[in-house]
Amino acid sequence: MNHRVLVVTYYFPPTGGVGVQRTLKYVTYLPRWGWEPVVVAPGDPAFPVRDGSLMAVLAPDLEVHRTASLEPARLPTLAARFLSRSRSSSSDLSTESVPSSRSLRVLRKLSIGWNRVWAALLFPEGAVAWVPFAVRAGLKANKRRPVDAIFSSAAPISAHVAAGLIKGRTGRPWVADFRDPWIGNPFAAPMSRPKRYLQRRMERWIVKRADVVIVAVDAMRVQFAERYPDLADKFIHIPNGYDRSDLDGIEPAAPPKPGGFHLLFAGSLYRPKELEAFLQGVERLLARRPDLRQRLRVDFVGRVNEANVRIAAEFETPERLGDVIGFEGFMPRPKALARMLGADALLQLMPDMAGAGIFVGGKLSEYLAFDRPILAVMPPGEGRALVEGLPTGIVADVEPGSVADALERLLDHTPARTPADPTGRFDRVNLAGELARELDRLVADRAERAERPG
């Protein structure tokens, strides 16, 4: 290896979920481009999803520094995990992916109150309690064997805070990666006025101290450039992507309705409005086309929060869509990939609310690996434009009538399977190469400055 890069990330295997994949794939493929990653991550973050299958993806010689963390949110997470394990022998299930016992329901209500209290007290979020441990681990790793650059991924923003502090102590160039917007995120909890002031100050501190700021959506790059016109050259767009090697050895899952049409949503469901609009659209279609009921099957694989559990329960009755839809909860990644391989088409949902158009969704980029038709129910924006540009893409507004029409087109005129990304623009190997080129440039600039006289 020519260079070493310190990767500061909060979400790393065995933590599961789609948010892990971006950094995980950088770590996996940077060595092909001459960069050896050194990872700093919490040993047990306050995040309920665990996916032990991801540990098999990590290189045997990968240097990973697991740190402690004193996050208050870990207490209810640990309690929920203990109760879940007492009910199931599977360590891969999320606490939100199985029906709740009375104890779990009570614990969830208590944990919501507990987390709200600490969310009001801590800034930028509860993960700030991890920062001292991350900084200490990063400095020790650099002292043991110096790194040439630093990379951090957020959310949570605390990962950037830790990386910025490490840069201040080491002088190494730093790349800050934003998977989602922090300021102006429509899905984030409201902040008090003092916290909004601190948020603006902290974001400016991050973008000024970082040598390069990478964003997952180009609209974020535009927003950053508008907020910080004097720093516009720092902002680089590297999208999310897919990794076809994830499919090696994966056999397609058997269809739930042999001879039928299987539509699959693979990901977490957090907001109920888009799910309700979609399911109402399915009902509307079947009311005018009852012949499709025996053919269509729609399954949802992934975490489902309580608001969406209630929506699902309303529609899963025999009188409504019980024979058409199913919710299976979180499952290990290889099993989820098998389900996607066995599907006839893949579904993306996004709410129609102010600011939502800036989101693409990590799973939408992953869908490209399967070369399947994609039905995207989402507002205008970068994600919808991506699907509209695909030969296999069908889009719908977040409204039952539009959903019914789009689903009918998908069933009656299913697009032929063709390569979704023939140029490899979203291939994780190529995306890691884009990051490596930025790191190469920063190291070369640093070396050039060091050689200048005076």
Protein backbone atom coordinates (compact mmCIF):
# COMPACT_ATOMS: atom_id res chain seq x y z
CA MET A 1 0.00 0.00 0.00
CA ASN A 2 1.18 3.51 -0.78
CA HIS A 3 -1.01 5.46 1.65
CA ARG A 4 -3.11 5.02 4.78
CA VAL A 5 -6.41 6.74 5.46
CA LEU A 6 -8.06 6.97 8.89
CA VAL A 7 -11.81 6.27 8.47
CA VAL A 8 -13.93 7.71 11.29
CA THR A 9 -17.44 6.26 11.11
CA TYR A 10 -20.20 5.60 13.58
CA TYR A 11 -22.00 2.95 11.52
CA PHE A 12 -19.81 -0.05 10.74
CA PRO A 13 -20.39 -3.83 10.82
CA PRO A 14 -21.81 -5.61 12.71
CA THR A 15 -24.18 -2.61 12.65
CA GLY A 16 -26.65 -3.27 9.83
CA GLY A 17 -28.89 -1.29 7.52
CA VAL A 18 -28.38 0.49 4.23
CA GLY A 19 -26.59 3.44 5.91
CA VAL A 20 -23.59 1.23 6.58
CA GLN A 21 -22.97 0.35 2.95
CA ARG A 22 -21.44 3.58 1.65
CA THR A 23 -18.52 3.64 4.07
CA LEU A 24 -18.21 -0.15 4.10
CA LYS A 25 -17.73 -0.22 0.32
CA TYR A 26 -15.16 2.57 0.45
CA VAL A 27 -13.24 0.56 3.00
CA THR A 28 -13.58 -2.56 0.87
CA TYR A 29 -12.37 -1.05 -2.41
CA LEU A 30 -9.94 1.74 -1.48
CA PRO A 31 -7.06 -0.80 -1.35
CA ARG A 32 -7.54 -1.38 -5.10
CA TRP A 33 -6.68 2.29 -5.56
CA GLY A 34 -3.62 2.34 -3.33
CA TRP A 35 -5.18 3.31 0.00
CA GLU A 36 -5.14 1.22 3.16
CA PRO A 37 -8.09 2.08 5.43
CA VAL A 38 -7.75 2.23 9.22
CA VAL A 39 -11.21 2.27 10.80
CA VAL A 40 -12.30 3.92 14.05
CA ALA A 41 -15.86 2.97 15.08
CA PRO A 42 -17.81 2.45 18.29
CA GLY A 43 -17.84 -1.10 19.54
CA ASP A 44 -21.53 -0.96 20.45
CA PRO A 45 -23.33 2.09 19.04
CA ALA A 46 -26.82 3.12 20.10
CA PHE A 47 -28.44 1.65 16.98
CA PRO A 48 -30.78 -1.34 17.21
CA VAL A 49 -30.02 -3.09 13.91
CA ARG A 50 -27.31 -5.74 13.89
CA ASP A 51 -26.34 -7.81 10.85
CA GLY A 52 -23.60 -10.29 11.64
CA SER A 53 -23.39 -11.38 7.99
CA LEU A 54 -21.60 -8.12 7.15
CA MET A 55 -18.59 -9.16 9.21
CA ALA A 56 -17.73 -11.69 6.51
CA VAL A 57 -17.27 -8.82 4.03
CA LEU A 58 -14.44 -7.22 6.01
CA ALA A 59 -10.90 -8.03 4.87
CA PRO A 60 -9.12 -10.29 7.38
CA ASP A 61 -6.22 -7.83 7.69
CA LEU A 62 -8.40 -4.72 8.04
CA GLU A 63 -7.28 -2.57 10.96
CA VAL A 64 -10.35 -1.66 13.03
CA HIS A 65 -10.24 0.20 16.33
CA ARG A 66 -13.44 -0.44 18.30
CA THR A 67 -14.03 2.20 20.94
CA ALA A 68 -16.20 2.65 23.99
CA SER A 69 -19.07 5.13 24.01
CA LEU A 70 -21.12 6.65 26.81
CA GLU A 71 -24.21 7.55 24.78
CA PRO A 72 -27.32 7.75 26.96
CA ALA A 73 -29.40 6.20 24.16
CA ARG A 74 -27.48 2.95 24.54
CA LEU A 75 -29.33 2.11 27.76
CA PRO A 76 -32.79 1.47 26.23
CA THR A 77 -31.14 -0.14 23.20
CA LEU A 78 -29.28 -2.60 25.40
CA ALA A 79 -32.43 -3.32 27.40
CA ALA A 80 -34.46 -3.91 24.24
CA ARG A 81 -31.75 -6.19 22.86
CA PHE A 82 -31.75 -8.20 26.07
CA LEU A 83 -35.52 -8.64 25.94
CA SER A 84 -35.43 -9.52 22.24
CA ARG A 85 -32.78 -12.17 22.77
CA SER A 86 -34.86 -13.70 25.51
CA ARG A 87 -37.66 -14.13 22.92
CA SER A 88 -35.64 -15.23 19.93
CA SER A 89 -32.44 -17.12 19.29
CA SER A 90 -31.73 -14.99 16.21
CA SER A 91 -29.23 -12.17 16.88
CA ASP A 92 -29.95 -10.63 13.49
CA LEU A 93 -33.48 -9.40 14.22
CA SER A 94 -34.11 -5.74 14.91
CA THR A 95 -36.10 -4.92 18.01
CA GLU A 96 -38.61 -3.25 15.68
CA SER A 97 -38.85 -6.11 13.20
CA VAL A 98 -40.90 -8.58 15.27
CA PRO A 99 -44.23 -8.23 17.04
CA SER A 100 -43.72 -6.58 20.43
CA SER A 101 -44.40 -8.15 23.75
CA ARG A 102 -45.95 -6.01 26.47
CA SER A 103 -42.49 -5.53 27.98
CA LEU A 104 -41.06 -4.25 24.71
CA ARG A 105 -43.96 -1.86 24.19
CA VAL A 106 -43.48 -0.39 27.65
CA LEU A 107 -39.73 -0.17 27.10
CA ARG A 108 -40.21 1.65 23.80
CA LYS A 109 -42.43 4.25 25.40
CA LEU A 110 -39.91 4.79 28.19
CA SER A 111 -37.00 4.93 25.77
CA ILE A 112 -38.77 7.59 23.66
CA GLY A 113 -39.03 9.83 26.69
CA TRP A 114 -35.48 9.02 27.79
CA ASN A 115 -34.05 9.82 24.37
CA ARG A 116 -36.05 13.05 24.03
CA VAL A 117 -34.61 14.32 27.30
CA TRP A 118 -31.05 13.63 26.23
CA ALA A 119 -31.69 14.91 22.70
CA ALA A 120 -32.67 18.23 24.25
CA LEU A 121 -29.51 18.34 26.35
CA LEU A 122 -26.81 17.04 23.98
CA PHE A 123 -25.46 18.67 20.83
CA PRO A 124 -25.14 17.88 17.99
CA GLU A 125 -26.72 14.55 19.01
CA GLY A 126 -26.32 11.74 21.52
CA ALA A 127 -23.34 10.33 19.63
CA VAL A 128 -21.27 13.30 20.83
CA ALA A 129 -20.52 11.13 23.89
CA TRP A 130 -18.51 8.91 21.51
CA VAL A 131 -16.28 11.75 20.27
CA PRO A 132 -13.58 11.63 23.01
CA PHE A 133 -13.14 7.90 22.51
CA ALA A 134 -12.98 8.25 18.72
CA VAL A 135 -10.40 11.05 18.93
CA ARG A 136 -8.26 9.08 21.36
CA ALA A 137 -8.38 5.94 19.17
CA GLY A 138 -7.59 7.92 16.00
CA LEU A 139 -4.59 9.64 17.56
CA LYS A 140 -3.26 6.36 18.94
CA ALA A 141 -3.61 4.69 15.53
CA ASN A 142 -1.77 7.57 13.88
CA LYS A 143 0.99 7.50 16.49
CA ARG A 144 1.47 3.77 16.05
CA ARG A 145 1.73 4.12 12.28
CA PRO A 146 1.06 7.54 10.72
CA VAL A 147 -1.84 7.98 8.34
CA ASP A 148 -1.74 10.17 5.24
CA ALA A 149 -5.33 11.42 5.31
CA ILE A 150 -8.57 11.33 7.29
CA PHE A 151 -12.05 10.42 6.07
CA SER A 152 -15.27 10.72 8.08
CA SER A 153 -18.86 9.88 7.26
CA ALA A 154 -22.00 11.47 8.71
CA ALA A 155 -24.66 11.13 10.00
CA PRO A 156 -24.11 11.35 12.90
CA ILE A 157 -22.33 14.70 12.71
CA SER A 158 -20.25 13.66 15.71
CA ALA A 159 -18.10 11.60 13.32
CA HIS A 160 -17.11 14.85 11.59
CA VAL A 161 -16.47 16.51 14.95
CA ALA A 162 -14.09 13.70 15.92
CA ALA A 163 -12.33 13.78 12.53
CA GLY A 164 -11.97 17.58 12.66
CA LEU A 165 -10.35 17.35 16.08
CA ILE A 166 -7.99 14.63 14.87
CA LYS A 167 -7.02 16.81 11.92
CA GLY A 168 -6.26 19.66 14.31
CA ARG A 169 -3.86 17.43 16.23
CA THR A 170 -2.21 15.70 13.25
CA GLY A 171 -2.37 18.21 10.40
CA ARG A 172 -3.45 15.47 7.99
CA PRO A 173 -5.85 16.42 5.14
CA TRP A 174 -9.47 15.58 5.87
CA VAL A 175 -12.37 14.53 3.64
CA ALA A 176 -15.83 14.95 5.23
CA ASP A 177 -18.59 12.86 3.64
CA PHE A 178 -22.25 13.86 4.07
CA ARG A 179 -24.65 11.03 3.25
CA ASP A 180 -27.63 13.28 4.05
CA PRO A 181 -28.06 17.02 4.61
CA TRP A 182 -27.78 18.23 8.19
CA ILE A 183 -29.15 21.75 7.86
CA GLY A 184 -32.53 21.74 6.15
CA ASN A 185 -33.16 18.01 6.56
CA PRO A 186 -36.97 17.69 6.50
CA PHE A 187 -36.86 14.34 8.31
CA ALA A 188 -34.81 15.57 11.28
CA ALA A 189 -36.38 16.40 14.62
CA PRO A 190 -37.00 20.13 15.17
CA MET A 191 -34.24 22.05 16.94
CA SER A 192 -34.51 24.89 19.40
CA ARG A 193 -33.32 28.32 18.29
CA PRO A 194 -30.05 28.08 20.28
CA LYS A 195 -29.34 24.68 18.74
CA ARG A 196 -30.05 25.97 15.23
CA TYR A 197 -27.51 28.71 15.87
CA LEU A 198 -24.97 26.15 17.06
CA GLN A 199 -25.81 23.94 14.07
CA ARG A 200 -24.92 26.72 11.63
CA ARG A 201 -21.71 27.45 13.48
CA MET A 202 -20.70 23.80 13.60
CA GLU A 203 -21.45 23.13 9.94
CA ARG A 204 -19.33 26.13 8.97
CA TRP A 205 -16.54 24.82 11.23
CA ILE A 206 -16.70 21.46 9.48
CA VAL A 207 -16.68 22.76 5.92
CA LYS A 208 -13.93 25.30 6.66
CA ARG A 209 -11.67 22.81 8.42
CA ALA A 210 -12.24 19.95 5.96
CA ASP A 211 -10.10 19.97 2.82
CA VAL A 212 -12.84 18.32 0.74
CA VAL A 213 -16.55 17.90 1.44
CA ILE A 214 -18.20 15.01 -0.40
CA VAL A 215 -21.97 14.73 -0.74
CA ALA A 216 -24.11 11.80 -1.84
CA VAL A 217 -26.61 13.92 -3.80
CA ASP A 218 -25.68 16.65 -6.25
CA ALA A 219 -28.46 18.92 -4.96
CA MET A 220 -26.62 18.93 -1.62
CA ARG A 221 -23.50 20.16 -3.41
CA VAL A 222 -25.51 23.03 -4.84
CA GLN A 223 -26.93 23.90 -1.43
CA PHE A 224 -23.49 23.88 0.19
CA ALA A 225 -22.09 26.08 -2.56
CA GLU A 226 -24.93 28.56 -2.06
CA ARG A 227 -24.38 28.69 1.71
CA TYR A 228 -20.59 28.90 1.42
CA PRO A 229 -19.77 30.53 -1.94
CA ASP A 230 -16.21 31.25 -0.82
CA LEU A 231 -15.69 27.49 -0.34
CA ALA A 232 -17.58 26.25 -3.40
CA ASP A 233 -14.55 24.43 -4.85
CA LYS A 234 -14.46 22.13 -1.82
CA PHE A 235 -17.78 20.41 -2.55
CA ILE A 236 -17.69 17.20 -4.58
CA HIS A 237 -20.55 14.89 -5.54
CA ILE A 238 -19.96 11.14 -5.27
CA PRO A 239 -23.30 9.27 -5.40
CA ASN A 240 -24.33 6.13 -3.61
CA GLY A 241 -24.02 2.98 -5.63
CA TYR A 242 -24.21 -0.79 -5.88
CA ASP A 243 -21.80 -3.70 -5.65
CA ARG A 244 -22.52 -6.61 -7.97
CA SER A 245 -20.08 -8.80 -6.05
CA ASP A 246 -22.63 -8.82 -3.23
CA LEU A 247 -24.70 -11.11 -5.44
CA ASP A 248 -21.97 -13.75 -5.86
CA GLY A 249 -23.29 -17.07 -4.61
CA ILE A 250 -26.77 -15.67 -3.91
CA GLU A 251 -29.63 -17.72 -5.31
CA PRO A 252 -32.93 -15.96 -6.10
CA ALA A 253 -35.62 -16.61 -3.52
CA ALA A 254 -38.66 -18.54 -4.70
CA PRO A 255 -41.57 -16.26 -5.63
CA PRO A 256 -44.45 -16.19 -3.11
CA LYS A 257 -46.97 -16.51 -5.94
CA PRO A 258 -45.56 -18.84 -8.62
CA GLY A 259 -46.47 -17.48 -12.00
CA GLY A 260 -47.51 -14.15 -10.50
CA PHE A 261 -45.85 -10.75 -10.36
CA HIS A 262 -43.71 -10.02 -7.29
CA LEU A 263 -42.96 -6.40 -6.31
CA LEU A 264 -40.51 -5.95 -3.43
CA PHE A 265 -39.62 -3.04 -1.17
CA ALA A 266 -36.29 -3.60 0.61
CA GLY A 267 -35.45 -1.03 3.26
CA SER A 268 -36.72 0.72 6.38
CA LEU A 269 -40.15 2.30 6.67
CA TYR A 270 -40.08 5.37 8.91
CA ARG A 271 -42.86 7.65 7.67
CA PRO A 272 -46.43 6.42 7.20
CA LYS A 273 -47.76 8.83 4.55
CA GLU A 274 -46.05 7.29 1.54
CA LEU A 275 -46.85 3.73 2.65
CA GLU A 276 -50.51 4.61 3.11
CA ALA A 277 -50.69 6.36 -0.27
CA PHE A 278 -49.09 3.35 -1.96
CA LEU A 279 -51.38 0.79 -0.33
CA GLN A 280 -54.43 2.91 -1.12
CA GLY A 281 -53.22 2.96 -4.72
CA VAL A 282 -52.98 -0.84 -4.72
CA GLU A 283 -56.54 -1.05 -3.44
CA ARG A 284 -57.73 1.39 -6.07
CA LEU A 285 -56.10 -0.62 -8.86
CA LEU A 286 -57.54 -3.94 -7.65
CA ALA A 287 -61.00 -2.39 -7.35
CA ARG A 288 -61.01 -1.57 -11.07
CA ARG A 289 -58.89 -4.57 -12.11
CA PRO A 290 -59.91 -7.48 -9.85
CA ASP A 291 -58.25 -9.85 -12.33
CA LEU A 292 -54.88 -8.67 -11.00
CA ARG A 293 -55.49 -9.78 -7.39
CA GLN A 294 -54.42 -13.37 -8.01
CA ARG A 295 -51.35 -12.21 -9.89
CA LEU A 296 -49.90 -9.39 -7.76
CA ARG A 297 -47.82 -9.81 -4.62
CA VAL A 298 -46.11 -6.92 -2.80
CA ASP A 299 -43.69 -7.64 0.05
CA PHE A 300 -41.84 -5.28 2.40
CA VAL A 301 -38.49 -6.40 3.79
CA GLY A 302 -36.86 -4.23 6.44
CA ARG A 303 -37.44 -2.37 9.68
CA VAL A 304 -40.91 -0.97 10.23
CA ASN A 305 -41.56 1.63 12.92
CA GLU A 306 -44.71 1.63 15.01
CA ALA A 307 -46.58 4.20 12.88
CA ASN A 308 -46.13 1.99 9.82
CA VAL A 309 -46.94 -1.16 11.78
CA ARG A 310 -50.36 0.36 12.43
CA ILE A 311 -50.80 1.22 8.74
CA ALA A 312 -49.77 -2.30 7.74
CA ALA A 313 -52.22 -3.85 10.19
CA GLU A 314 -55.08 -1.84 8.69
CA PHE A 315 -54.35 -3.12 5.17
CA GLU A 316 -53.32 -6.72 5.94
CA THR A 317 -56.85 -7.83 6.79
CA PRO A 318 -58.60 -10.40 4.56
CA GLU A 319 -61.16 -7.78 3.56
CA ARG A 320 -58.49 -5.46 2.18
CA LEU A 321 -55.03 -6.60 0.99
CA GLY A 322 -54.20 -9.53 3.24
CA ASP A 323 -53.70 -11.87 0.29
CA VAL A 324 -51.61 -9.34 -1.67
CA ILE A 325 -49.14 -7.72 0.75
CA GLY A 326 -46.73 -8.92 3.42
CA PHE A 327 -44.33 -7.35 5.94
CA GLU A 328 -41.37 -9.52 6.90
CA GLY A 329 -39.18 -7.25 9.05
CA PHE A 330 -35.43 -6.88 9.02
CA MET A 331 -33.38 -9.79 7.71
CA PRO A 332 -29.63 -10.40 7.19
CA ARG A 333 -28.27 -8.89 4.00
CA PRO A 334 -27.69 -12.14 2.03
CA LYS A 335 -31.31 -13.14 2.60
CA ALA A 336 -32.55 -9.68 1.58
CA LEU A 337 -30.44 -9.85 -1.58
CA ALA A 338 -31.94 -13.23 -2.43
CA ARG A 339 -35.39 -11.73 -2.07
CA MET A 340 -34.46 -8.87 -4.41
CA LEU A 341 -33.02 -11.31 -6.96
CA GLY A 342 -36.27 -13.26 -6.87
CA ALA A 343 -38.48 -10.22 -7.40
CA ASP A 344 -39.95 -9.16 -10.72
CA ALA A 345 -39.65 -5.46 -9.84
CA LEU A 346 -38.38 -3.29 -6.99
CA LEU A 347 -40.21 -0.53 -5.15
CA GLN A 348 -38.96 2.81 -3.82
CA LEU A 349 -41.10 5.04 -1.55
CA MET A 350 -40.39 8.63 -0.57
CA PRO A 351 -42.73 11.14 1.10
CA ASP A 352 -44.04 14.19 -0.70
CA MET A 353 -43.05 16.88 1.77
CA ALA A 354 -41.02 20.08 1.61
CA GLY A 355 -37.35 19.31 1.04
CA ALA A 356 -37.81 15.58 0.37
CA GLY A 357 -36.85 15.95 -3.29
CA ILE A 358 -33.20 16.27 -2.31
CA PHE A 359 -33.12 12.65 -1.15
CA VAL A 360 -32.30 9.81 -3.51
CA GLY A 361 -32.26 6.93 -1.02
CA GLY A 362 -29.35 4.54 -0.65
CA LYS A 363 -31.41 1.52 -1.62
CA LEU A 364 -32.44 3.10 -4.92
CA SER A 365 -28.81 3.10 -6.05
CA GLU A 366 -28.45 -0.48 -4.82
CA TYR A 367 -31.47 -1.51 -6.90
CA LEU A 368 -29.44 -0.75 -10.04
CA ALA A 369 -27.39 -3.91 -9.50
CA PHE A 370 -30.41 -6.11 -10.19
CA ASP A 371 -31.37 -4.73 -13.62
CA ARG A 372 -35.02 -5.09 -12.60
CA PRO A 373 -37.86 -2.68 -13.31
CA ILE A 374 -38.10 -0.03 -10.58
CA LEU A 375 -41.36 1.57 -9.47
CA ALA A 376 -40.56 4.83 -7.68
CA VAL A 377 -43.33 6.53 -5.72
CA MET A 378 -41.69 9.81 -4.86
CA PRO A 379 -41.84 13.59 -5.42
CA PRO A 380 -39.87 15.38 -8.15
CA GLY A 381 -36.18 15.52 -7.40
CA GLU A 382 -32.85 13.86 -8.06
CA GLY A 383 -34.04 10.35 -7.14
CA ARG A 384 -37.11 10.50 -9.34
CA ALA A 385 -35.06 11.90 -12.21
CA LEU A 386 -32.68 8.95 -11.85
CA VAL A 387 -35.54 6.46 -12.22
CA GLU A 388 -37.12 8.40 -15.09
CA GLY A 389 -33.82 8.11 -16.95
CA LEU A 390 -33.78 4.31 -16.70
CA PRO A 391 -35.22 2.15 -19.48
CA THR A 392 -36.80 0.04 -16.73
CA GLY A 393 -38.05 2.92 -14.56
CA ILE A 394 -41.68 3.85 -13.81
CA VAL A 395 -42.53 6.78 -11.52
CA ALA A 396 -45.62 7.86 -9.64
CA ASP A 397 -46.64 10.78 -7.50
CA VAL A 398 -47.23 10.10 -3.81
CA GLU A 399 -50.97 9.91 -4.41
CA PRO A 400 -53.24 6.82 -4.69
CA GLY A 401 -54.53 7.54 -8.19
CA SER A 402 -51.04 8.02 -9.61
CA VAL A 403 -49.83 4.89 -7.82
CA ALA A 404 -52.68 2.83 -9.27
CA ASP A 405 -51.95 4.04 -12.80
CA ALA A 406 -48.19 3.43 -12.53
CA LEU A 407 -48.66 -0.02 -11.03
CA GLU A 408 -51.09 -0.92 -13.79
CA ARG A 409 -48.51 0.12 -16.42
CA LEU A 410 -45.89 -1.97 -14.66
CA LEU A 411 -48.11 -5.05 -14.65
CA ASP A 412 -49.50 -4.70 -18.17
CA HIS A 413 -46.32 -3.51 -19.87
CA THR A 414 -43.44 -4.77 -17.74
CA PRO A 415 -40.16 -3.32 -19.07
CA ALA A 416 -37.65 -5.86 -20.32
CA ARG A 417 -34.65 -6.39 -18.07
CA THR A 418 -31.72 -4.42 -19.42
CA PRO A 419 -28.51 -3.12 -17.80
CA ALA A 420 -29.51 -0.25 -15.54
CA ASP A 421 -26.01 1.24 -15.39
CA PRO A 422 -24.12 0.24 -18.55
CA THR A 423 -21.34 2.81 -17.97
CA GLY A 424 -20.65 1.73 -14.38
CA ARG A 425 -21.25 5.24 -13.03
CA PHE A 426 -22.73 3.84 -9.80
CA ASP A 427 -20.39 0.86 -9.41
CA ARG A 428 -18.90 0.91 -5.89
CA VAL A 429 -15.43 0.07 -7.23
CA ASN A 430 -15.46 3.13 -9.47
CA LEU A 431 -16.90 5.33 -6.72
CA ALA A 432 -14.09 4.28 -4.39
CA GLY A 433 -11.71 5.28 -7.17
CA GLU A 434 -13.25 8.77 -7.22
CA LEU A 435 -12.63 9.09 -3.48
CA ALA A 436 -9.09 7.78 -3.90
CA ARG A 437 -8.33 10.40 -6.53
CA GLU A 438 -9.42 13.14 -4.12
CA LEU A 439 -7.21 11.65 -1.42
CA ASP A 440 -4.29 11.40 -3.87
CA ARG A 441 -4.70 15.05 -4.79
CA LEU A 442 -4.75 16.16 -1.15
CA VAL A 443 -1.61 14.20 -0.31
CA ALA A 444 0.18 15.56 -3.37
CA ASP A 445 -0.83 19.14 -2.47
CA ARG A 446 0.41 18.65 1.09
CA ALA A 447 3.73 17.28 -0.13
CA GLU A 448 4.11 20.18 -2.55
CA ARG A 449 3.49 22.72 0.20
CA ALA A 450 6.04 20.99 2.43
CA GLU A 451 8.71 21.27 -0.29
CA ARG A 452 8.21 24.97 -0.83
CA PRO A 453 11.02 27.05 0.59
CA GLY A 454 10.18 29.16 3.62
